[in-house]
mmCIF file of all heavy atoms, coordinates in Angstrom:
data_MODEL
# 
_entry.id   MODEL 
# 
loop_
_atom_site.group_PDB 
_atom_site.id 
_atom_site.type_symbol 
_atom_site.label_atom_id 
_atom_site.label_alt_id 
_atom_site.label_comp_id 
_atom_site.label_asym_id 
_atom_site.label_entity_id 
_atom_site.label_seq_id 
_atom_site.pdbx_PDB_ins_code 
_atom_site.Cartn_x 
_atom_site.Cartn_y 
_atom_site.Cartn_z 
_atom_site.occupancy 
_atom_site.B_iso_or_equiv 
_atom_site.pdbx_formal_charge 
_atom_site.auth_seq_id 
_atom_site.auth_comp_id 
_atom_site.auth_asym_id 
_atom_site.auth_atom_id 
_atom_site.pdbx_PDB_model_num 
ATOM 1   N N   . ASP A 1 1  ? 10.191  2.012   3.679   1.00 0.00 ? 1  ASP A N   1 
ATOM 2   C CA  . ASP A 1 1  ? 11.331  2.092   4.584   1.00 0.00 ? 1  ASP A CA  1 
ATOM 3   C C   . ASP A 1 1  ? 12.280  0.859   4.219   1.00 0.00 ? 1  ASP A C   1 
ATOM 4   O O   . ASP A 1 1  ? 11.928  -0.215  4.615   1.00 0.00 ? 1  ASP A O   1 
ATOM 5   C CB  . ASP A 1 1  ? 10.887  2.016   6.072   1.00 0.00 ? 1  ASP A CB  1 
ATOM 6   C CG  . ASP A 1 1  ? 12.048  2.287   7.036   1.00 0.00 ? 1  ASP A CG  1 
ATOM 7   O OD1 . ASP A 1 1  ? 13.241  1.967   6.654   1.00 0.00 ? 1  ASP A OD1 1 
ATOM 8   O OD2 . ASP A 1 1  ? 11.791  2.634   8.178   1.00 0.00 ? 1  ASP A OD2 1 
ATOM 9   N N   . ASN A 1 2  ? 13.291  1.151   3.460   1.00 0.00 ? 2  ASN A N   1 
ATOM 10  C CA  . ASN A 1 2  ? 14.101  0.100   2.954   1.00 0.00 ? 2  ASN A CA  1 
ATOM 11  C C   . ASN A 1 2  ? 14.878  -0.567  4.063   1.00 0.00 ? 2  ASN A C   1 
ATOM 12  O O   . ASN A 1 2  ? 15.319  -1.755  3.998   1.00 0.00 ? 2  ASN A O   1 
ATOM 13  C CB  . ASN A 1 2  ? 15.006  0.577   1.832   1.00 0.00 ? 2  ASN A CB  1 
ATOM 14  C CG  . ASN A 1 2  ? 14.257  0.807   0.497   1.00 0.00 ? 2  ASN A CG  1 
ATOM 15  O OD1 . ASN A 1 2  ? 13.088  0.259   0.396   1.00 0.00 ? 2  ASN A OD1 1 
ATOM 16  N ND2 . ASN A 1 2  ? 14.786  1.579   -0.357  1.00 0.00 ? 2  ASN A ND2 1 
ATOM 17  N N   . ALA A 1 3  ? 15.114  0.151   5.195   1.00 0.00 ? 3  ALA A N   1 
ATOM 18  C CA  . ALA A 1 3  ? 15.822  -0.477  6.319   1.00 0.00 ? 3  ALA A CA  1 
ATOM 19  C C   . ALA A 1 3  ? 14.976  -1.502  7.036   1.00 0.00 ? 3  ALA A C   1 
ATOM 20  O O   . ALA A 1 3  ? 15.458  -2.436  7.667   1.00 0.00 ? 3  ALA A O   1 
ATOM 21  C CB  . ALA A 1 3  ? 16.278  0.575   7.241   1.00 0.00 ? 3  ALA A CB  1 
ATOM 22  N N   . LYS A 1 4  ? 13.580  -1.344  6.911   1.00 0.00 ? 4  LYS A N   1 
ATOM 23  C CA  . LYS A 1 4  ? 12.695  -2.230  7.590   1.00 0.00 ? 4  LYS A CA  1 
ATOM 24  C C   . LYS A 1 4  ? 12.008  -3.171  6.637   1.00 0.00 ? 4  LYS A C   1 
ATOM 25  O O   . LYS A 1 4  ? 11.103  -3.902  6.983   1.00 0.00 ? 4  LYS A O   1 
ATOM 26  C CB  . LYS A 1 4  ? 11.576  -1.391  8.348   1.00 0.00 ? 4  LYS A CB  1 
ATOM 27  C CG  . LYS A 1 4  ? 12.127  -0.587  9.487   1.00 0.00 ? 4  LYS A CG  1 
ATOM 28  C CD  . LYS A 1 4  ? 11.019  0.138   10.196  1.00 0.00 ? 4  LYS A CD  1 
ATOM 29  C CE  . LYS A 1 4  ? 11.601  0.921   11.414  1.00 0.00 ? 4  LYS A CE  1 
ATOM 30  N NZ  . LYS A 1 4  ? 10.528  1.672   12.098  1.00 0.00 ? 4  LYS A NZ  1 
ATOM 31  N N   . ASN A 1 5  ? 12.379  -3.064  5.295   1.00 0.00 ? 5  ASN A N   1 
ATOM 32  C CA  . ASN A 1 5  ? 11.760  -3.932  4.332   1.00 0.00 ? 5  ASN A CA  1 
ATOM 33  C C   . ASN A 1 5  ? 10.261  -3.884  4.316   1.00 0.00 ? 5  ASN A C   1 
ATOM 34  O O   . ASN A 1 5  ? 9.542   -4.864  4.244   1.00 0.00 ? 5  ASN A O   1 
ATOM 35  C CB  . ASN A 1 5  ? 12.172  -5.458  4.577   1.00 0.00 ? 5  ASN A CB  1 
ATOM 36  C CG  . ASN A 1 5  ? 13.624  -5.691  4.236   1.00 0.00 ? 5  ASN A CG  1 
ATOM 37  O OD1 . ASN A 1 5  ? 14.312  -4.800  3.794   1.00 0.00 ? 5  ASN A OD1 1 
ATOM 38  N ND2 . ASN A 1 5  ? 14.093  -6.869  4.574   1.00 0.00 ? 5  ASN A ND2 1 
ATOM 39  N N   . THR A 1 6  ? 9.728   -2.660  4.406   1.00 0.00 ? 6  THR A N   1 
ATOM 40  C CA  . THR A 1 6  ? 8.340   -2.440  4.543   1.00 0.00 ? 6  THR A CA  1 
ATOM 41  C C   . THR A 1 6  ? 7.879   -1.265  3.661   1.00 0.00 ? 6  THR A C   1 
ATOM 42  O O   . THR A 1 6  ? 8.532   -0.302  3.508   1.00 0.00 ? 6  THR A O   1 
ATOM 43  C CB  . THR A 1 6  ? 7.982   -2.103  6.040   1.00 0.00 ? 6  THR A CB  1 
ATOM 44  O OG1 . THR A 1 6  ? 8.416   -3.175  6.849   1.00 0.00 ? 6  THR A OG1 1 
ATOM 45  C CG2 . THR A 1 6  ? 6.445   -1.886  6.187   1.00 0.00 ? 6  THR A CG2 1 
ATOM 46  N N   . VAL A 1 7  ? 6.700   -1.457  3.095   1.00 0.00 ? 7  VAL A N   1 
ATOM 47  C CA  . VAL A 1 7  ? 6.057   -0.434  2.289   1.00 0.00 ? 7  VAL A CA  1 
ATOM 48  C C   . VAL A 1 7  ? 4.727   -0.085  3.039   1.00 0.00 ? 7  VAL A C   1 
ATOM 49  O O   . VAL A 1 7  ? 4.123   -1.012  3.562   1.00 0.00 ? 7  VAL A O   1 
ATOM 50  C CB  . VAL A 1 7  ? 5.816   -0.828  0.827   1.00 0.00 ? 7  VAL A CB  1 
ATOM 51  C CG1 . VAL A 1 7  ? 4.912   -2.053  0.737   1.00 0.00 ? 7  VAL A CG1 1 
ATOM 52  C CG2 . VAL A 1 7  ? 5.289   0.336   0.022   1.00 0.00 ? 7  VAL A CG2 1 
ATOM 53  N N   . TYR A 1 8  ? 4.370   1.200   2.966   1.00 0.00 ? 8  TYR A N   1 
ATOM 54  C CA  . TYR A 1 8  ? 3.180   1.669   3.669   1.00 0.00 ? 8  TYR A CA  1 
ATOM 55  C C   . TYR A 1 8  ? 2.208   2.331   2.710   1.00 0.00 ? 8  TYR A C   1 
ATOM 56  O O   . TYR A 1 8  ? 2.601   2.843   1.666   1.00 0.00 ? 8  TYR A O   1 
ATOM 57  C CB  . TYR A 1 8  ? 3.583   2.738   4.725   1.00 0.00 ? 8  TYR A CB  1 
ATOM 58  C CG  . TYR A 1 8  ? 4.580   2.217   5.723   1.00 0.00 ? 8  TYR A CG  1 
ATOM 59  C CD1 . TYR A 1 8  ? 5.948   2.526   5.589   1.00 0.00 ? 8  TYR A CD1 1 
ATOM 60  C CD2 . TYR A 1 8  ? 4.226   1.420   6.806   1.00 0.00 ? 8  TYR A CD2 1 
ATOM 61  C CE1 . TYR A 1 8  ? 6.855   2.057   6.492   1.00 0.00 ? 8  TYR A CE1 1 
ATOM 62  C CE2 . TYR A 1 8  ? 5.114   1.010   7.730   1.00 0.00 ? 8  TYR A CE2 1 
ATOM 63  C CZ  . TYR A 1 8  ? 6.435   1.323   7.593   1.00 0.00 ? 8  TYR A CZ  1 
ATOM 64  O OH  . TYR A 1 8  ? 7.344   0.856   8.446   1.00 0.00 ? 8  TYR A OH  1 
ATOM 65  N N   . LEU A 1 9  ? 0.942   2.365   3.090   1.00 0.00 ? 9  LEU A N   1 
ATOM 66  C CA  . LEU A 1 9  ? -0.036  3.128   2.399   1.00 0.00 ? 9  LEU A CA  1 
ATOM 67  C C   . LEU A 1 9  ? -0.888  3.890   3.432   1.00 0.00 ? 9  LEU A C   1 
ATOM 68  O O   . LEU A 1 9  ? -1.631  3.341   4.205   1.00 0.00 ? 9  LEU A O   1 
ATOM 69  C CB  . LEU A 1 9  ? -1.016  2.211   1.522   1.00 0.00 ? 9  LEU A CB  1 
ATOM 70  C CG  . LEU A 1 9  ? -1.946  3.011   0.678   1.00 0.00 ? 9  LEU A CG  1 
ATOM 71  C CD1 . LEU A 1 9  ? -1.232  3.766   -0.440  1.00 0.00 ? 9  LEU A CD1 1 
ATOM 72  C CD2 . LEU A 1 9  ? -3.034  2.057   0.067   1.00 0.00 ? 9  LEU A CD2 1 
ATOM 73  N N   . GLU A 1 10 ? -0.612  5.209   3.513   1.00 0.00 ? 10 GLU A N   1 
ATOM 74  C CA  . GLU A 1 10 ? -1.356  6.038   4.430   1.00 0.00 ? 10 GLU A CA  1 
ATOM 75  C C   . GLU A 1 10 ? -2.582  6.503   3.715   1.00 0.00 ? 10 GLU A C   1 
ATOM 76  O O   . GLU A 1 10 ? -2.511  7.117   2.630   1.00 0.00 ? 10 GLU A O   1 
ATOM 77  C CB  . GLU A 1 10 ? -0.464  7.248   4.795   1.00 0.00 ? 10 GLU A CB  1 
ATOM 78  C CG  . GLU A 1 10 ? -1.098  8.143   5.842   1.00 0.00 ? 10 GLU A CG  1 
ATOM 79  C CD  . GLU A 1 10 ? -1.053  7.534   7.250   1.00 0.00 ? 10 GLU A CD  1 
ATOM 80  O OE1 . GLU A 1 10 ? -0.049  6.843   7.560   1.00 0.00 ? 10 GLU A OE1 1 
ATOM 81  O OE2 . GLU A 1 10 ? -2.037  7.752   8.047   1.00 0.00 ? 10 GLU A OE2 1 
ATOM 82  N N   . MET A 1 11 ? -3.753  6.219   4.262   1.00 0.00 ? 11 MET A N   1 
ATOM 83  C CA  . MET A 1 11 ? -5.008  6.538   3.651   1.00 0.00 ? 11 MET A CA  1 
ATOM 84  C C   . MET A 1 11 ? -5.777  7.528   4.581   1.00 0.00 ? 11 MET A C   1 
ATOM 85  O O   . MET A 1 11 ? -6.131  7.178   5.695   1.00 0.00 ? 11 MET A O   1 
ATOM 86  C CB  . MET A 1 11 ? -5.850  5.279   3.385   1.00 0.00 ? 11 MET A CB  1 
ATOM 87  C CG  . MET A 1 11 ? -5.079  4.189   2.684   1.00 0.00 ? 11 MET A CG  1 
ATOM 88  S SD  . MET A 1 11 ? -6.151  2.769   2.238   1.00 0.00 ? 11 MET A SD  1 
ATOM 89  C CE  . MET A 1 11 ? -6.473  2.141   3.928   1.00 0.00 ? 11 MET A CE  1 
ATOM 90  N N   . ASN A 1 12 ? -6.095  8.655   3.965   1.00 0.00 ? 12 ASN A N   1 
ATOM 91  C CA  . ASN A 1 12 ? -6.832  9.756   4.677   1.00 0.00 ? 12 ASN A CA  1 
ATOM 92  C C   . ASN A 1 12 ? -8.067  10.109  3.978   1.00 0.00 ? 12 ASN A C   1 
ATOM 93  O O   . ASN A 1 12 ? -8.263  9.741   2.800   1.00 0.00 ? 12 ASN A O   1 
ATOM 94  C CB  . ASN A 1 12 ? -5.947  10.997  4.863   1.00 0.00 ? 12 ASN A CB  1 
ATOM 95  C CG  . ASN A 1 12 ? -4.712  10.730  5.656   1.00 0.00 ? 12 ASN A CG  1 
ATOM 96  O OD1 . ASN A 1 12 ? -4.704  10.103  6.732   1.00 0.00 ? 12 ASN A OD1 1 
ATOM 97  N ND2 . ASN A 1 12 ? -3.564  11.200  5.152   1.00 0.00 ? 12 ASN A ND2 1 
ATOM 98  N N   . SER A 1 13 ? -8.991  10.718  4.655   1.00 0.00 ? 13 SER A N   1 
ATOM 99  C CA  . SER A 1 13 ? -10.233 11.179  4.036   1.00 0.00 ? 13 SER A CA  1 
ATOM 100 C C   . SER A 1 13 ? -10.989 9.987   3.369   1.00 0.00 ? 13 SER A C   1 
ATOM 101 O O   . SER A 1 13 ? -11.446 10.073  2.201   1.00 0.00 ? 13 SER A O   1 
ATOM 102 C CB  . SER A 1 13 ? -10.037 12.336  3.108   1.00 0.00 ? 13 SER A CB  1 
ATOM 103 O OG  . SER A 1 13 ? -9.395  13.422  3.709   1.00 0.00 ? 13 SER A OG  1 
ATOM 104 N N   . LEU A 1 14 ? -10.970 8.840   4.021   1.00 0.00 ? 14 LEU A N   1 
ATOM 105 C CA  . LEU A 1 14 ? -11.577 7.626   3.462   1.00 0.00 ? 14 LEU A CA  1 
ATOM 106 C C   . LEU A 1 14 ? -13.046 7.824   3.152   1.00 0.00 ? 14 LEU A C   1 
ATOM 107 O O   . LEU A 1 14 ? -13.802 8.470   3.791   1.00 0.00 ? 14 LEU A O   1 
ATOM 108 C CB  . LEU A 1 14 ? -11.343 6.419   4.359   1.00 0.00 ? 14 LEU A CB  1 
ATOM 109 C CG  . LEU A 1 14 ? -9.908  5.890   4.355   1.00 0.00 ? 14 LEU A CG  1 
ATOM 110 C CD1 . LEU A 1 14 ? -9.561  5.096   5.512   1.00 0.00 ? 14 LEU A CD1 1 
ATOM 111 C CD2 . LEU A 1 14 ? -9.656  5.131   3.014   1.00 0.00 ? 14 LEU A CD2 1 
ATOM 112 N N   . LYS A 1 15 ? -13.387 7.161   1.994   1.00 0.00 ? 15 LYS A N   1 
ATOM 113 C CA  . LYS A 1 15 ? -14.771 7.209   1.511   1.00 0.00 ? 15 LYS A CA  1 
ATOM 114 C C   . LYS A 1 15 ? -15.286 5.758   1.453   1.00 0.00 ? 15 LYS A C   1 
ATOM 115 O O   . LYS A 1 15 ? -14.575 4.784   1.312   1.00 0.00 ? 15 LYS A O   1 
ATOM 116 C CB  . LYS A 1 15 ? -14.818 7.788   0.072   1.00 0.00 ? 15 LYS A CB  1 
ATOM 117 C CG  . LYS A 1 15 ? -14.126 9.104   -0.047  1.00 0.00 ? 15 LYS A CG  1 
ATOM 118 C CD  . LYS A 1 15 ? -14.120 9.606   -1.468  1.00 0.00 ? 15 LYS A CD  1 
ATOM 119 C CE  . LYS A 1 15 ? -13.471 10.914  -1.594  1.00 0.00 ? 15 LYS A CE  1 
ATOM 120 N NZ  . LYS A 1 15 ? -13.386 11.386  -3.053  1.00 0.00 ? 15 LYS A NZ  1 
ATOM 121 N N   . PRO A 1 16 ? -16.620 5.597   1.488   1.00 0.00 ? 16 PRO A N   1 
ATOM 122 C CA  . PRO A 1 16 ? -17.189 4.224   1.346   1.00 0.00 ? 16 PRO A CA  1 
ATOM 123 C C   . PRO A 1 16 ? -16.714 3.470   0.117   1.00 0.00 ? 16 PRO A C   1 
ATOM 124 O O   . PRO A 1 16 ? -16.516 2.279   0.159   1.00 0.00 ? 16 PRO A O   1 
ATOM 125 C CB  . PRO A 1 16 ? -18.733 4.499   1.325   1.00 0.00 ? 16 PRO A CB  1 
ATOM 126 C CG  . PRO A 1 16 ? -18.865 5.721   2.115   1.00 0.00 ? 16 PRO A CG  1 
ATOM 127 C CD  . PRO A 1 16 ? -17.677 6.590   1.810   1.00 0.00 ? 16 PRO A CD  1 
ATOM 128 N N   . GLU A 1 17 ? -16.532 4.214   -0.963  1.00 0.00 ? 17 GLU A N   1 
ATOM 129 C CA  . GLU A 1 17 ? -16.053 3.663   -2.227  1.00 0.00 ? 17 GLU A CA  1 
ATOM 130 C C   . GLU A 1 17 ? -14.626 3.094   -2.171  1.00 0.00 ? 17 GLU A C   1 
ATOM 131 O O   . GLU A 1 17 ? -14.146 2.468   -3.043  1.00 0.00 ? 17 GLU A O   1 
ATOM 132 C CB  . GLU A 1 17 ? -16.302 4.532   -3.338  1.00 0.00 ? 17 GLU A CB  1 
ATOM 133 C CG  . GLU A 1 17 ? -15.678 5.932   -3.204  1.00 0.00 ? 17 GLU A CG  1 
ATOM 134 C CD  . GLU A 1 17 ? -16.687 6.936   -2.766  1.00 0.00 ? 17 GLU A CD  1 
ATOM 135 O OE1 . GLU A 1 17 ? -17.518 6.587   -1.875  1.00 0.00 ? 17 GLU A OE1 1 
ATOM 136 O OE2 . GLU A 1 17 ? -16.692 8.056   -3.242  1.00 0.00 ? 17 GLU A OE2 1 
ATOM 137 N N   . ASP A 1 18 ? -13.905 3.427   -1.014  1.00 0.00 ? 18 ASP A N   1 
ATOM 138 C CA  . ASP A 1 18 ? -12.531 2.872   -0.830  1.00 0.00 ? 18 ASP A CA  1 
ATOM 139 C C   . ASP A 1 18 ? -12.623 1.497   -0.244  1.00 0.00 ? 18 ASP A C   1 
ATOM 140 O O   . ASP A 1 18 ? -11.573 0.852   -0.110  1.00 0.00 ? 18 ASP A O   1 
ATOM 141 C CB  . ASP A 1 18 ? -11.768 3.772   0.040   1.00 0.00 ? 18 ASP A CB  1 
ATOM 142 C CG  . ASP A 1 18 ? -11.427 5.148   -0.547  1.00 0.00 ? 18 ASP A CG  1 
ATOM 143 O OD1 . ASP A 1 18 ? -11.107 5.205   -1.730  1.00 0.00 ? 18 ASP A OD1 1 
ATOM 144 O OD2 . ASP A 1 18 ? -11.523 6.142   0.196   1.00 0.00 ? 18 ASP A OD2 1 
ATOM 145 N N   . THR A 1 19 ? -13.798 0.991   0.101   1.00 0.00 ? 19 THR A N   1 
ATOM 146 C CA  . THR A 1 19 ? -13.967 -0.317  0.678   1.00 0.00 ? 19 THR A CA  1 
ATOM 147 C C   . THR A 1 19 ? -13.506 -1.383  -0.287  1.00 0.00 ? 19 THR A C   1 
ATOM 148 O O   . THR A 1 19 ? -13.955 -1.420  -1.459  1.00 0.00 ? 19 THR A O   1 
ATOM 149 C CB  . THR A 1 19 ? -15.414 -0.584  1.100   1.00 0.00 ? 19 THR A CB  1 
ATOM 150 O OG1 . THR A 1 19 ? -15.758 0.322   2.138   1.00 0.00 ? 19 THR A OG1 1 
ATOM 151 C CG2 . THR A 1 19 ? -15.588 -1.981  1.542   1.00 0.00 ? 19 THR A CG2 1 
ATOM 152 N N   . ALA A 1 20 ? -12.584 -2.253  0.112   1.00 0.00 ? 20 ALA A N   1 
ATOM 153 C CA  . ALA A 1 20 ? -12.051 -3.278  -0.709  1.00 0.00 ? 20 ALA A CA  1 
ATOM 154 C C   . ALA A 1 20 ? -11.000 -4.134  0.058   1.00 0.00 ? 20 ALA A C   1 
ATOM 155 O O   . ALA A 1 20 ? -10.614 -3.742  1.213   1.00 0.00 ? 20 ALA A O   1 
ATOM 156 C CB  . ALA A 1 20 ? -11.306 -2.662  -1.914  1.00 0.00 ? 20 ALA A CB  1 
ATOM 157 N N   . VAL A 1 21 ? -10.584 -5.190  -0.525  1.00 0.00 ? 21 VAL A N   1 
ATOM 158 C CA  . VAL A 1 21 ? -9.385  -5.879  -0.081  1.00 0.00 ? 21 VAL A CA  1 
ATOM 159 C C   . VAL A 1 21 ? -8.165  -5.259  -0.724  1.00 0.00 ? 21 VAL A C   1 
ATOM 160 O O   . VAL A 1 21 ? -8.123  -5.104  -1.945  1.00 0.00 ? 21 VAL A O   1 
ATOM 161 C CB  . VAL A 1 21 ? -9.478  -7.380  -0.381  1.00 0.00 ? 21 VAL A CB  1 
ATOM 162 C CG1 . VAL A 1 21 ? -8.134  -8.047  0.095   1.00 0.00 ? 21 VAL A CG1 1 
ATOM 163 C CG2 . VAL A 1 21 ? -10.672 -7.961  0.307   1.00 0.00 ? 21 VAL A CG2 1 
ATOM 164 N N   . TYR A 1 22 ? -7.214  -4.832  0.074   1.00 0.00 ? 22 TYR A N   1 
ATOM 165 C CA  . TYR A 1 22 ? -5.976  -4.145  -0.438  1.00 0.00 ? 22 TYR A CA  1 
ATOM 166 C C   . TYR A 1 22 ? -4.858  -5.129  -0.412  1.00 0.00 ? 22 TYR A C   1 
ATOM 167 O O   . TYR A 1 22 ? -4.592  -5.896  0.558   1.00 0.00 ? 22 TYR A O   1 
ATOM 168 C CB  . TYR A 1 22 ? -5.666  -3.003  0.393   1.00 0.00 ? 22 TYR A CB  1 
ATOM 169 C CG  . TYR A 1 22 ? -6.560  -1.789  0.185   1.00 0.00 ? 22 TYR A CG  1 
ATOM 170 C CD1 . TYR A 1 22 ? -7.931  -1.794  0.567   1.00 0.00 ? 22 TYR A CD1 1 
ATOM 171 C CD2 . TYR A 1 22 ? -6.103  -0.609  -0.430  1.00 0.00 ? 22 TYR A CD2 1 
ATOM 172 C CE1 . TYR A 1 22 ? -8.755  -0.746  0.257   1.00 0.00 ? 22 TYR A CE1 1 
ATOM 173 C CE2 . TYR A 1 22 ? -6.928  0.427   -0.750  1.00 0.00 ? 22 TYR A CE2 1 
ATOM 174 C CZ  . TYR A 1 22 ? -8.249  0.364   -0.358  1.00 0.00 ? 22 TYR A CZ  1 
ATOM 175 O OH  . TYR A 1 22 ? -9.079  1.445   -0.647  1.00 0.00 ? 22 TYR A OH  1 
ATOM 176 N N   . TYR A 1 23 ? -4.092  -5.156  -1.583  1.00 0.00 ? 23 TYR A N   1 
ATOM 177 C CA  . TYR A 1 23 ? -2.985  -6.044  -1.806  1.00 0.00 ? 23 TYR A CA  1 
ATOM 178 C C   . TYR A 1 23 ? -1.765  -5.282  -2.080  1.00 0.00 ? 23 TYR A C   1 
ATOM 179 O O   . TYR A 1 23 ? -1.772  -4.337  -2.884  1.00 0.00 ? 23 TYR A O   1 
ATOM 180 C CB  . TYR A 1 23 ? -3.223  -6.989  -2.961  1.00 0.00 ? 23 TYR A CB  1 
ATOM 181 C CG  . TYR A 1 23 ? -4.471  -7.895  -2.833  1.00 0.00 ? 23 TYR A CG  1 
ATOM 182 C CD1 . TYR A 1 23 ? -5.707  -7.375  -3.249  1.00 0.00 ? 23 TYR A CD1 1 
ATOM 183 C CD2 . TYR A 1 23 ? -4.342  -9.173  -2.320  1.00 0.00 ? 23 TYR A CD2 1 
ATOM 184 C CE1 . TYR A 1 23 ? -6.866  -8.286  -3.173  1.00 0.00 ? 23 TYR A CE1 1 
ATOM 185 C CE2 . TYR A 1 23 ? -5.479  -9.967  -2.207  1.00 0.00 ? 23 TYR A CE2 1 
ATOM 186 C CZ  . TYR A 1 23 ? -6.710  -9.540  -2.654  1.00 0.00 ? 23 TYR A CZ  1 
ATOM 187 O OH  . TYR A 1 23 ? -7.751  -10.339 -2.586  1.00 0.00 ? 23 TYR A OH  1 
ATOM 188 N N   . CYS A 1 24 ? -0.635  -5.648  -1.382  1.00 0.00 ? 24 CYS A N   1 
ATOM 189 C CA  . CYS A 1 24 ? 0.680   -5.048  -1.836  1.00 0.00 ? 24 CYS A CA  1 
ATOM 190 C C   . CYS A 1 24 ? 1.245   -6.066  -2.832  1.00 0.00 ? 24 CYS A C   1 
ATOM 191 O O   . CYS A 1 24 ? 0.850   -7.261  -2.917  1.00 0.00 ? 24 CYS A O   1 
ATOM 192 C CB  . CYS A 1 24 ? 1.588   -4.774  -0.700  1.00 0.00 ? 24 CYS A CB  1 
ATOM 193 S SG  . CYS A 1 24 ? 2.300   -6.258  0.059   1.00 0.00 ? 24 CYS A SG  1 
ATOM 194 N N   . ALA A 1 25 ? 2.161   -5.496  -3.638  1.00 0.00 ? 25 ALA A N   1 
ATOM 195 C CA  . ALA A 1 25 ? 2.725   -6.293  -4.732  1.00 0.00 ? 25 ALA A CA  1 
ATOM 196 C C   . ALA A 1 25 ? 4.123   -5.804  -5.020  1.00 0.00 ? 25 ALA A C   1 
ATOM 197 O O   . ALA A 1 25 ? 4.459   -4.635  -4.687  1.00 0.00 ? 25 ALA A O   1 
ATOM 198 C CB  . ALA A 1 25 ? 1.848   -6.196  -5.987  1.00 0.00 ? 25 ALA A CB  1 
ATOM 199 N N   . ALA A 1 26 ? 4.944   -6.646  -5.596  1.00 0.00 ? 26 ALA A N   1 
ATOM 200 C CA  . ALA A 1 26 ? 6.290   -6.368  -5.931  1.00 0.00 ? 26 ALA A CA  1 
ATOM 201 C C   . ALA A 1 26 ? 6.595   -6.621  -7.357  1.00 0.00 ? 26 ALA A C   1 
ATOM 202 O O   . ALA A 1 26 ? 6.144   -7.617  -7.895  1.00 0.00 ? 26 ALA A O   1 
ATOM 203 C CB  . ALA A 1 26 ? 7.263   -7.184  -5.032  1.00 0.00 ? 26 ALA A CB  1 
ATOM 204 N N   . ALA A 1 27 ? 7.326   -5.714  -7.949  1.00 0.00 ? 27 ALA A N   1 
ATOM 205 C CA  . ALA A 1 27 ? 7.804   -5.851  -9.378  1.00 0.00 ? 27 ALA A CA  1 
ATOM 206 C C   . ALA A 1 27 ? 9.335   -5.651  -9.328  1.00 0.00 ? 27 ALA A C   1 
ATOM 207 O O   . ALA A 1 27 ? 9.875   -4.865  -8.647  1.00 0.00 ? 27 ALA A O   1 
ATOM 208 C CB  . ALA A 1 27 ? 7.110   -4.692  -10.268 1.00 0.00 ? 27 ALA A CB  1 
ATOM 209 N N   . PRO A 1 28 ? 9.982   -6.452  -10.149 1.00 0.00 ? 28 PRO A N   1 
ATOM 210 C CA  . PRO A 1 28 ? 11.460  -6.438  -10.245 1.00 0.00 ? 28 PRO A CA  1 
ATOM 211 C C   . PRO A 1 28 ? 11.916  -4.966  -10.593 1.00 0.00 ? 28 PRO A C   1 
ATOM 212 O O   . PRO A 1 28 ? 11.192  -4.218  -11.345 1.00 0.00 ? 28 PRO A O   1 
ATOM 213 C CB  . PRO A 1 28 ? 11.812  -7.309  -11.400 1.00 0.00 ? 28 PRO A CB  1 
ATOM 214 C CG  . PRO A 1 28 ? 10.694  -8.367  -11.384 1.00 0.00 ? 28 PRO A CG  1 
ATOM 215 C CD  . PRO A 1 28 ? 9.491   -7.516  -11.050 1.00 0.00 ? 28 PRO A CD  1 
ATOM 216 N N   . TRP A 1 29 ? 13.068  -4.592  -10.029 1.00 0.00 ? 29 TRP A N   1 
ATOM 217 C CA  . TRP A 1 29 ? 13.565  -3.225  -10.236 1.00 0.00 ? 29 TRP A CA  1 
ATOM 218 C C   . TRP A 1 29 ? 13.780  -2.883  -11.790 1.00 0.00 ? 29 TRP A C   1 
ATOM 219 O O   . TRP A 1 29 ? 13.817  -1.769  -12.098 1.00 0.00 ? 29 TRP A O   1 
ATOM 220 C CB  . TRP A 1 29 ? 14.795  -2.958  -9.440  1.00 0.00 ? 29 TRP A CB  1 
ATOM 221 C CG  . TRP A 1 29 ? 16.030  -3.694  -9.989  1.00 0.00 ? 29 TRP A CG  1 
ATOM 222 C CD1 . TRP A 1 29 ? 16.404  -4.969  -9.653  1.00 0.00 ? 29 TRP A CD1 1 
ATOM 223 C CD2 . TRP A 1 29 ? 16.967  -3.257  -10.902 1.00 0.00 ? 29 TRP A CD2 1 
ATOM 224 N NE1 . TRP A 1 29 ? 17.556  -5.328  -10.319 1.00 0.00 ? 29 TRP A NE1 1 
ATOM 225 C CE2 . TRP A 1 29 ? 17.957  -4.244  -11.114 1.00 0.00 ? 29 TRP A CE2 1 
ATOM 226 C CE3 . TRP A 1 29 ? 17.178  -2.007  -11.593 1.00 0.00 ? 29 TRP A CE3 1 
ATOM 227 C CZ2 . TRP A 1 29 ? 19.006  -4.126  -11.969 1.00 0.00 ? 29 TRP A CZ2 1 
ATOM 228 C CZ3 . TRP A 1 29 ? 18.200  -1.903  -12.467 1.00 0.00 ? 29 TRP A CZ3 1 
ATOM 229 C CH2 . TRP A 1 29 ? 19.145  -2.902  -12.572 1.00 0.00 ? 29 TRP A CH2 1 
ATOM 230 N N   . THR A 1 30 ? 13.916  -3.906  -12.601 1.00 0.00 ? 30 THR A N   1 
ATOM 231 C CA  . THR A 1 30 ? 14.140  -3.694  -14.020 1.00 0.00 ? 30 THR A CA  1 
ATOM 232 C C   . THR A 1 30 ? 12.913  -3.294  -14.700 1.00 0.00 ? 30 THR A C   1 
ATOM 233 O O   . THR A 1 30 ? 12.943  -2.990  -15.895 1.00 0.00 ? 30 THR A O   1 
ATOM 234 C CB  . THR A 1 30 ? 14.745  -4.991  -14.635 1.00 0.00 ? 30 THR A CB  1 
ATOM 235 O OG1 . THR A 1 30 ? 13.897  -6.065  -14.251 1.00 0.00 ? 30 THR A OG1 1 
ATOM 236 C CG2 . THR A 1 30 ? 16.164  -5.193  -14.135 1.00 0.00 ? 30 THR A CG2 1 
# 
């Protein structure tokens, strides 16, 4: 949502192997 300066990750049907620390990251638009 660029108006809110926010990125989301909707995660469904989660599995035990999805267990982790999740990090968001930014790359220049170029």
